[in-house]
Structure formats: C-alpha cells, structure tokens
Amino acid sequence: MFGTCRSTRFILIASFLLLGADTACSETLRHVLAARNLPVAVAKLENLDKNITSGAELDDETQFLIAYYIDDGTSALNPPLYVERFDRKLRSWKGATLEKAETRWKDIDVPCLGSIMKVTAVGDRFFFDTHINPSAGCVLIISSDLKLEACLYGWLVGRLGPEVVIYHRSQIHFAPMHPAEIALHDLRTKRDVTLFPPKPESPLWQARTQQLQSFYKSNQEWCNRNNDPCDPAYFDSALEGPVATNEKEQALAFLISYEQIQLVQGEVQKPDGPKDVLYVYRRVGEEAKMEFREMPPGDAKARFGDLSLQDLLKPEVLQKIFNEEPAQES
C-alpha cells in the first residue's frame, strides 16, 4: 500500500459497498509520482491533481506501475480502479481504467475490486492482490496492455510456467469450518480445476469423515448448542507452508493440516485430524491423466529419504512415488 497513513480496508461480499480511505491522509497522484522521482511533467494523466487512495505500486528497473482509486471525500472506495504504467526504456506513460472485476464462486458473483495490497510482475503480466474481507481476496490478472484477463477468488501460491497459476481459494470468514481449497487456473484455456480436496476421496479423507461422524453421533446436543451443522464431510483443513512446483513434470507438492482451526467454549471440542499430510500431484496439466498421492511426511521420509518438497518433484523421485502402491489404511 502506498503512503504512510493508509489503513486496511475491506468489502463485504454480501454488499457492494466499498469502504474507502481516511480523506485526511490522502495524497495527490502528482505528489506520489514526484516522491518516486518520476517524470511528472511529461505525464499527461487526468488524475494528477486528484487525491488517491487504497492502491499499490510496482517499481523495478524496467517500469513503474501504480494502481489506485480516486478519493472523492465520501470514505467510499468507488470504481473505477485506475492503472498507470511508466516504461523506463521508452520514457512513456500508459493508463487504463477498470470499472468492474468479478468472478464466480459456488454460484455467487464475487466483486473483486477492493483495496490493492500488492502488485507483482510475472512475465508480461501483472498480478494485483485485492483485499475483500479478513479471510478473502482476489487476484486480478492484468495483461501487458493493461487489460483484465482473469479474476481469481483467492491468492497465488505457485506457478507452472507463464500460463498456469496455482492459487488458494478464499474462504467465508464467519463460517463454522474453514476447509482449504487449492486450485489450478490455465490463463490460455480458462480451465479452472480444484486440486485439493482431491477427488475421488482419499483413504485419509474417508478416515477423517468417519472420525467426525462418530463424534457427532455421540454429541448431538453439542452441535445444537454451538450452531454447528456437524456435517462429517465438511471440516477444517489448512495449507502449511509453501507449494513446491515443477513445470516440466507438471507436478506440485504441499502439506495440509487437519487440526481444528476454530474452537468453541467448553471442554468438549471436535477431535483433531493429523497435523501434517503430504500431497504430491503430477500431470496436472491434463485433467484426465492427473494423479496424486497422500502420505504422512514420516512415511515419505522413510520411503524416499529426507527430501524437501522441491526435491520430491524431481523426475526420479516422482517415478518412485507413483510407481509404489499407495499405503492402505488398516
């Protein structure tokens, strides 16, 4: 976020009200650009002398890019989103506006225009991280000519080359459970595939479901008292650490924790699932050929050696992982 007195903003998915900035902290676009020693005199930008808010910058050897909203004094973060890019080699400016950015998630249209938290250059594209609420955000994927290519409901956790991104889907903040979802999005084909939770259901997933089913059966009053749906197929899971990727093998590896995220008042709590479970995928670029393995990290260490997530994706190790029969639950 640019400036020294910006506070974090958010929007609620249930409404289209965009909460904006404290107008007392606003700076003009001219002031922001001049502070970065950019050529303001040749910048024929319509908003130079307007107060701006809730944006972020990218500043590297080849370019400067700023994404922002106009602070209109109403404390509302109103579209459009403005984008200005300075090409250091050509010494020229290019601008664009974004009136609307939405994505679809579980039959809900999610507005993705919120405070811009970070701008990243990836190849010839730009990735804007937006803030929607305390547990949700979007990634706006912007082309080199500053046009919106895609909106992803979540945040980037990895890439498989310039055209395929791996992202963690956002979650409903005030939900009784917070299940992690890891997905793949192909920018060329617009194919969007859920990688985790895996399908078909794995042995560990089935064991966790049975564990919770047994708990709910003997604690029905607990479910009512805590306003918990007590659906054994719907439970907490969380990505632990980074996602390792291997573009050539179209493979990735990560750890998932099944420990309880949300606790309730009282001594009775849902039982925890396993803390760390390793997931290794390959051939994710072709959905029909995609396959995965899950195992405790200790089992992986015993079978393949004390390897990092990245080393598990080496071709010779993947061959061992997927040629061995998956361990059967006893």
Protein backbone atom coordinates (compact mmCIF):
# COMPACT_ATOMS: atom_id res chain seq x y z
CA MET A 1 0.00 0.00 0.00
CA PHE A 2 1.40 3.42 -0.86
CA GLY A 3 1.54 6.35 1.51
CA THR A 4 2.28 6.42 5.22
CA CYS A 5 -1.20 6.71 6.71
CA ARG A 6 -3.24 4.17 4.79
CA SER A 7 -5.35 1.83 6.90
CA THR A 8 -6.54 -1.60 5.78
CA ARG A 9 -9.94 -1.54 4.05
CA PHE A 10 -12.32 -4.33 3.20
CA ILE A 11 -15.56 -5.03 1.44
CA LEU A 12 -18.26 -7.48 2.38
CA ILE A 13 -19.26 -9.91 -0.35
CA ALA A 14 -22.87 -9.56 0.76
CA SER A 15 -22.87 -5.92 -0.30
CA PHE A 16 -21.29 -3.80 -2.99
CA LEU A 17 -20.27 -1.04 -0.61
CA LEU A 18 -16.55 -0.46 -0.92
CA LEU A 19 -15.10 1.09 2.19
CA GLY A 20 -12.50 3.69 1.42
CA ALA A 21 -9.80 5.79 2.93
CA ASP A 22 -9.47 8.41 5.59
CA THR A 23 -9.57 11.50 3.41
CA ALA A 24 -7.30 13.36 5.82
CA CYS A 25 -4.48 11.02 4.78
CA SER A 26 -4.91 11.38 1.01
CA GLU A 27 -2.12 12.42 -1.32
CA THR A 28 -2.43 13.54 -4.90
CA LEU A 29 -1.18 11.34 -7.68
CA ARG A 30 1.27 14.10 -8.61
CA HIS A 31 2.74 14.02 -5.09
CA VAL A 32 3.11 10.22 -5.13
CA LEU A 33 4.84 10.20 -8.53
CA ALA A 34 7.13 13.11 -7.68
CA ALA A 35 8.21 11.35 -4.49
CA ARG A 36 9.39 8.43 -6.69
CA ASN A 37 11.34 10.84 -8.96
CA LEU A 38 9.15 10.01 -11.94
CA PRO A 39 8.78 12.45 -14.87
CA VAL A 40 5.55 14.14 -13.83
CA ALA A 41 5.95 16.97 -16.36
CA VAL A 42 5.53 14.61 -19.33
CA ALA A 43 2.86 12.53 -17.62
CA LYS A 44 -0.37 13.61 -19.24
CA LEU A 45 -2.50 11.84 -16.65
CA GLU A 46 -6.03 13.06 -15.96
CA ASN A 47 -5.82 12.41 -12.22
CA LEU A 48 -2.51 14.11 -11.44
CA ASP A 49 -4.02 16.64 -9.05
CA LYS A 50 -6.66 14.39 -7.52
CA ASN A 51 -6.37 12.69 -4.17
CA ILE A 52 -5.84 8.94 -4.48
CA THR A 53 -6.23 6.04 -2.09
CA SER A 54 -6.14 2.29 -1.44
CA GLY A 55 -3.56 1.40 -4.05
CA ALA A 56 -0.18 -0.24 -4.50
CA GLU A 57 2.90 0.16 -6.68
CA LEU A 58 5.39 -1.88 -8.66
CA ASP A 59 8.78 -0.23 -9.09
CA ASP A 60 11.59 -2.10 -10.85
CA GLU A 61 14.39 -1.49 -13.32
CA THR A 62 12.15 -1.57 -16.39
CA GLN A 63 8.92 0.03 -15.25
CA PHE A 64 6.83 1.75 -12.63
CA LEU A 65 3.16 0.84 -12.21
CA ILE A 66 0.62 2.24 -9.81
CA ALA A 67 -2.98 1.06 -9.25
CA TYR A 68 -5.30 3.31 -7.22
CA TYR A 69 -8.76 4.74 -6.65
CA ILE A 70 -9.84 8.38 -6.52
CA ASP A 71 -10.55 9.61 -3.00
CA ASP A 72 -13.78 11.54 -3.56
CA GLY A 73 -14.17 12.52 0.08
CA THR A 74 -17.07 10.15 0.79
CA SER A 75 -14.99 7.43 2.54
CA ALA A 76 -16.30 5.01 -0.10
CA LEU A 77 -13.92 3.10 -2.35
CA ASN A 78 -15.71 3.70 -5.63
CA PRO A 79 -14.77 2.26 -9.04
CA PRO A 80 -13.09 2.63 -11.38
CA LEU A 81 -9.67 1.32 -10.48
CA TYR A 82 -7.03 3.36 -12.28
CA VAL A 83 -3.76 1.87 -13.54
CA GLU A 84 -0.81 3.97 -14.75
CA ARG A 85 2.41 2.43 -16.10
CA PHE A 86 5.68 4.16 -16.93
CA ASP A 87 8.03 2.36 -19.35
CA ARG A 88 11.54 3.37 -18.32
CA LYS A 89 13.10 2.40 -21.66
CA LEU A 90 10.58 4.23 -23.84
CA ARG A 91 10.12 7.03 -21.29
CA SER A 92 6.38 6.88 -21.88
CA TRP A 93 3.19 6.51 -19.84
CA LYS A 94 0.19 4.27 -20.49
CA GLY A 95 -3.03 4.24 -18.49
CA ALA A 96 -6.20 2.18 -18.13
CA THR A 97 -9.34 2.04 -16.01
CA LEU A 98 -11.16 -0.95 -14.58
CA GLU A 99 -14.86 -0.35 -13.97
CA LYS A 100 -15.71 -3.87 -12.88
CA ALA A 101 -13.95 -7.07 -11.84
CA GLU A 102 -16.00 -10.09 -10.79
CA THR A 103 -15.57 -13.81 -10.53
CA ARG A 104 -17.89 -16.74 -9.92
CA TRP A 105 -17.58 -18.87 -6.79
CA LYS A 106 -20.12 -21.52 -5.72
CA ASP A 107 -22.90 -19.86 -7.72
CA ILE A 108 -22.13 -16.46 -6.21
CA ASP A 109 -20.90 -13.44 -8.17
CA VAL A 110 -18.00 -12.10 -6.14
CA PRO A 111 -16.98 -8.44 -6.67
CA CYS A 112 -13.19 -8.38 -6.72
CA LEU A 113 -12.47 -4.65 -6.71
CA GLY A 114 -11.07 -3.85 -3.27
CA SER A 115 -8.00 -2.21 -1.82
CA ILE A 116 -4.91 -3.17 -3.82
CA MET A 117 -2.50 -4.82 -1.41
CA LYS A 118 0.32 -5.77 -3.79
CA VAL A 119 1.31 -5.59 -7.46
CA THR A 120 3.61 -8.27 -8.90
CA ALA A 121 5.05 -8.62 -12.41
CA VAL A 122 5.03 -12.19 -13.71
CA GLY A 123 6.39 -12.46 -17.25
CA ASP A 124 4.48 -9.92 -19.31
CA ARG A 125 1.50 -9.89 -16.92
CA PHE A 126 0.69 -8.09 -13.69
CA PHE A 127 -0.96 -9.69 -10.67
CA PHE A 128 -2.96 -7.39 -8.35
CA ASP A 129 -3.81 -8.78 -4.90
CA THR A 130 -7.04 -7.22 -3.63
CA HIS A 131 -8.49 -7.26 -0.11
CA ILE A 132 -12.18 -8.15 0.28
CA ASN A 133 -12.57 -9.20 3.91
CA PRO A 134 -10.36 -10.63 6.68
CA SER A 135 -10.20 -14.07 5.07
CA ALA A 136 -10.85 -13.33 1.41
CA GLY A 137 -9.31 -11.55 -1.51
CA CYS A 138 -8.92 -11.79 -5.25
CA VAL A 139 -6.09 -11.83 -7.74
CA LEU A 140 -6.68 -9.60 -10.76
CA ILE A 141 -4.55 -10.75 -13.68
CA ILE A 142 -3.71 -7.83 -15.97
CA SER A 143 -2.18 -8.16 -19.43
CA SER A 144 0.82 -6.19 -20.71
CA ASP A 145 -1.57 -3.74 -22.38
CA LEU A 146 -3.32 -3.23 -19.02
CA LYS A 147 -6.48 -5.20 -19.78
CA LEU A 148 -8.16 -7.52 -17.30
CA GLU A 149 -7.54 -11.16 -18.26
CA ALA A 150 -8.93 -13.01 -15.25
CA CYS A 151 -10.18 -12.69 -11.67
CA LEU A 152 -9.36 -15.46 -9.23
CA TYR A 153 -11.12 -15.68 -5.87
CA GLY A 154 -8.11 -16.28 -3.65
CA TRP A 155 -4.38 -15.71 -3.63
CA LEU A 156 -1.47 -17.01 -5.66
CA VAL A 157 0.61 -19.85 -4.16
CA GLY A 158 2.55 -21.10 -7.18
CA ARG A 159 3.01 -21.21 -10.96
CA LEU A 160 3.64 -23.85 -13.60
CA GLY A 161 5.18 -21.72 -16.31
CA PRO A 162 3.86 -18.39 -17.58
CA GLU A 163 0.33 -19.58 -18.36
CA VAL A 164 -0.70 -21.76 -15.41
CA VAL A 165 -1.16 -20.49 -11.85
CA ILE A 166 -1.86 -22.35 -8.63
CA TYR A 167 -3.99 -20.46 -6.14
CA HIS A 168 -5.58 -20.90 -2.73
CA ARG A 169 -9.27 -20.09 -2.86
CA SER A 170 -10.64 -17.59 -0.37
CA GLN A 171 -13.00 -18.63 2.40
CA ILE A 172 -16.12 -17.37 4.15
CA HIS A 173 -14.86 -15.51 7.20
CA PHE A 174 -17.63 -16.26 9.72
CA ALA A 175 -18.11 -19.92 8.88
CA PRO A 176 -18.01 -22.77 11.44
CA MET A 177 -15.42 -24.61 9.32
CA HIS A 178 -12.59 -23.43 7.10
CA PRO A 179 -11.67 -26.10 4.53
CA ALA A 180 -8.71 -25.25 2.32
CA GLU A 181 -9.14 -25.36 -1.47
CA ILE A 182 -6.15 -25.38 -3.82
CA ALA A 183 -6.91 -24.83 -7.50
CA LEU A 184 -5.22 -24.57 -10.89
CA HIS A 185 -6.11 -21.92 -13.46
CA ASP A 186 -4.89 -22.01 -17.07
CA LEU A 187 -4.78 -18.47 -18.46
CA ARG A 188 -4.84 -19.70 -22.07
CA THR A 189 -7.80 -22.06 -21.90
CA LYS A 190 -9.53 -20.51 -18.84
CA ARG A 191 -9.67 -24.02 -17.37
CA ASP A 192 -10.11 -23.89 -13.60
CA VAL A 193 -9.63 -27.15 -11.69
CA THR A 194 -9.85 -27.94 -7.98
CA LEU A 195 -6.75 -29.91 -6.96
CA PHE A 196 -7.42 -30.10 -3.24
CA PRO A 197 -9.53 -31.55 -1.71
CA PRO A 198 -8.75 -34.45 -4.05
CA LYS A 199 -11.27 -36.48 -5.98
CA PRO A 200 -12.02 -39.30 -5.53
CA GLU A 201 -11.91 -39.06 -1.74
CA SER A 202 -8.68 -40.44 -0.36
CA PRO A 203 -8.36 -43.03 2.44
CA LEU A 204 -7.24 -40.34 4.88
CA TRP A 205 -10.18 -38.13 3.93
CA GLN A 206 -12.57 -41.01 4.48
CA ALA A 207 -10.97 -41.78 7.86
CA ARG A 208 -11.38 -38.15 8.95
CA THR A 209 -15.03 -38.23 7.88
CA GLN A 210 -15.63 -41.39 9.91
CA GLN A 211 -13.85 -39.88 12.93
CA LEU A 212 -16.15 -36.84 12.91
CA GLN A 213 -19.22 -38.93 12.18
CA SER A 214 -18.55 -40.90 15.37
CA PHE A 215 -18.04 -37.67 17.36
CA TYR A 216 -21.26 -36.06 16.10
CA LYS A 217 -23.29 -39.20 16.76
CA SER A 218 -22.46 -39.07 20.48
CA ASN A 219 -22.57 -35.24 20.76
CA GLN A 220 -25.80 -34.16 19.07
CA GLU A 221 -26.58 -31.60 21.78
CA TRP A 222 -23.10 -30.11 21.26
CA CYS A 223 -24.00 -29.50 17.60
CA ASN A 224 -27.19 -27.62 18.53
CA ARG A 225 -25.53 -25.59 21.28
CA ASN A 226 -22.69 -24.44 19.02
CA ASN A 227 -24.84 -23.86 15.92
CA ASP A 228 -22.64 -26.29 14.03
CA PRO A 229 -24.05 -28.17 11.02
CA CYS A 230 -21.98 -31.18 12.13
CA ASP A 231 -21.55 -32.42 8.60
CA PRO A 232 -18.80 -35.07 8.81
CA ALA A 233 -17.78 -34.44 5.19
CA TYR A 234 -17.13 -30.73 5.87
CA PHE A 235 -14.17 -29.97 8.15
CA ASP A 236 -11.17 -27.74 8.79
CA SER A 237 -8.00 -28.06 6.74
CA ALA A 238 -5.16 -25.62 6.18
CA LEU A 239 -2.23 -25.26 3.82
CA GLU A 240 1.01 -25.48 5.84
CA GLY A 241 3.90 -23.62 4.25
CA PRO A 242 4.71 -23.17 0.55
CA VAL A 243 3.57 -25.05 -2.55
CA ALA A 244 6.50 -26.53 -4.49
CA THR A 245 6.12 -26.79 -8.27
CA ASN A 246 7.90 -28.39 -11.22
CA GLU A 247 6.78 -27.00 -14.58
CA LYS A 248 8.38 -29.71 -16.73
CA GLU A 249 6.75 -32.53 -14.76
CA GLN A 250 3.52 -30.55 -14.25
CA ALA A 251 3.85 -31.54 -10.61
CA LEU A 252 3.36 -29.93 -7.22
CA ALA A 253 3.71 -30.82 -3.55
CA PHE A 254 2.39 -29.30 -0.34
CA LEU A 255 1.44 -30.08 3.25
CA ILE A 256 -2.08 -29.93 4.69
CA SER A 257 -3.01 -29.84 8.38
CA TYR A 258 -6.32 -31.33 9.56
CA GLU A 259 -6.10 -29.89 13.06
CA GLN A 260 -9.08 -27.89 14.30
CA ILE A 261 -8.90 -24.21 13.39
CA GLN A 262 -11.95 -22.96 15.25
CA LEU A 263 -12.51 -23.89 18.88
CA VAL A 264 -15.70 -23.38 20.91
CA GLN A 265 -16.39 -22.62 24.55
CA GLY A 266 -16.34 -25.56 26.93
CA GLU A 267 -14.28 -28.66 27.43
CA VAL A 268 -15.79 -30.68 24.57
CA GLN A 269 -14.06 -30.00 21.26
CA LYS A 270 -14.02 -31.77 17.94
CA PRO A 271 -11.14 -34.24 17.69
CA ASP A 272 -8.12 -33.08 15.70
CA GLY A 273 -7.14 -34.78 12.49
CA PRO A 274 -3.48 -35.35 11.55
CA LYS A 275 -1.28 -32.26 11.78
CA ASP A 276 0.68 -32.72 8.55
CA VAL A 277 -0.21 -34.73 5.47
CA LEU A 278 1.92 -34.64 2.33
CA TYR A 279 0.21 -34.32 -1.06
CA VAL A 280 2.11 -34.85 -4.30
CA TYR A 281 0.45 -34.33 -7.70
CA ARG A 282 1.70 -34.87 -11.22
CA ARG A 283 0.37 -34.36 -14.76
CA VAL A 284 -1.94 -31.62 -13.52
CA GLY A 285 -1.91 -30.02 -16.96
CA GLU A 286 -4.10 -32.86 -18.28
CA GLU A 287 -7.06 -33.45 -16.03
CA ALA A 288 -7.71 -36.97 -17.37
CA LYS A 289 -4.13 -38.02 -16.57
CA MET A 290 -3.74 -36.15 -13.29
CA GLU A 291 -2.92 -38.28 -10.25
CA PHE A 292 -1.92 -37.72 -6.65
CA ARG A 293 -0.53 -39.44 -3.61
CA GLU A 294 -1.09 -38.60 0.05
CA MET A 295 1.01 -39.80 2.98
CA PRO A 296 2.34 -38.68 6.37
CA PRO A 297 5.69 -36.87 5.98
CA GLY A 298 7.30 -39.57 8.15
CA ASP A 299 6.29 -42.25 5.66
CA ALA A 300 7.70 -40.18 2.80
CA LYS A 301 10.98 -39.76 4.67
CA ALA A 302 11.22 -43.50 5.35
CA ARG A 303 10.46 -44.44 1.74
CA PHE A 304 12.20 -41.71 -0.27
CA GLY A 305 14.70 -40.08 2.10
CA ASP A 306 14.77 -36.78 3.96
CA LEU A 307 13.83 -34.61 0.99
CA SER A 308 12.42 -31.11 0.67
CA LEU A 309 9.11 -30.57 -1.08
CA GLN A 310 11.01 -29.32 -4.13
CA ASP A 311 13.25 -32.38 -4.22
CA LEU A 312 10.23 -34.67 -4.07
CA LEU A 313 9.32 -33.30 -7.52
CA LYS A 314 12.49 -34.47 -9.23
CA PRO A 315 11.63 -36.93 -12.05
CA GLU A 316 13.37 -39.91 -10.44
CA VAL A 317 11.62 -39.32 -7.10
CA LEU A 318 8.22 -38.83 -8.73
CA GLN A 319 8.77 -42.13 -10.51
CA LYS A 320 9.23 -43.87 -7.17
CA ILE A 321 6.30 -42.10 -5.54
CA PHE A 322 3.83 -43.01 -8.25
CA ASN A 323 5.15 -46.47 -9.07
CA GLU A 324 4.75 -47.65 -5.49
CA GLU A 325 1.30 -48.73 -4.40
CA PRO A 326 -0.35 -46.15 -2.09
CA ALA A 327 -0.33 -47.25 1.56
CA GLN A 328 -3.64 -48.84 2.54
CA GLU A 329 -5.49 -47.75 5.67
CA SER A 330 -5.63 -50.54 8.23
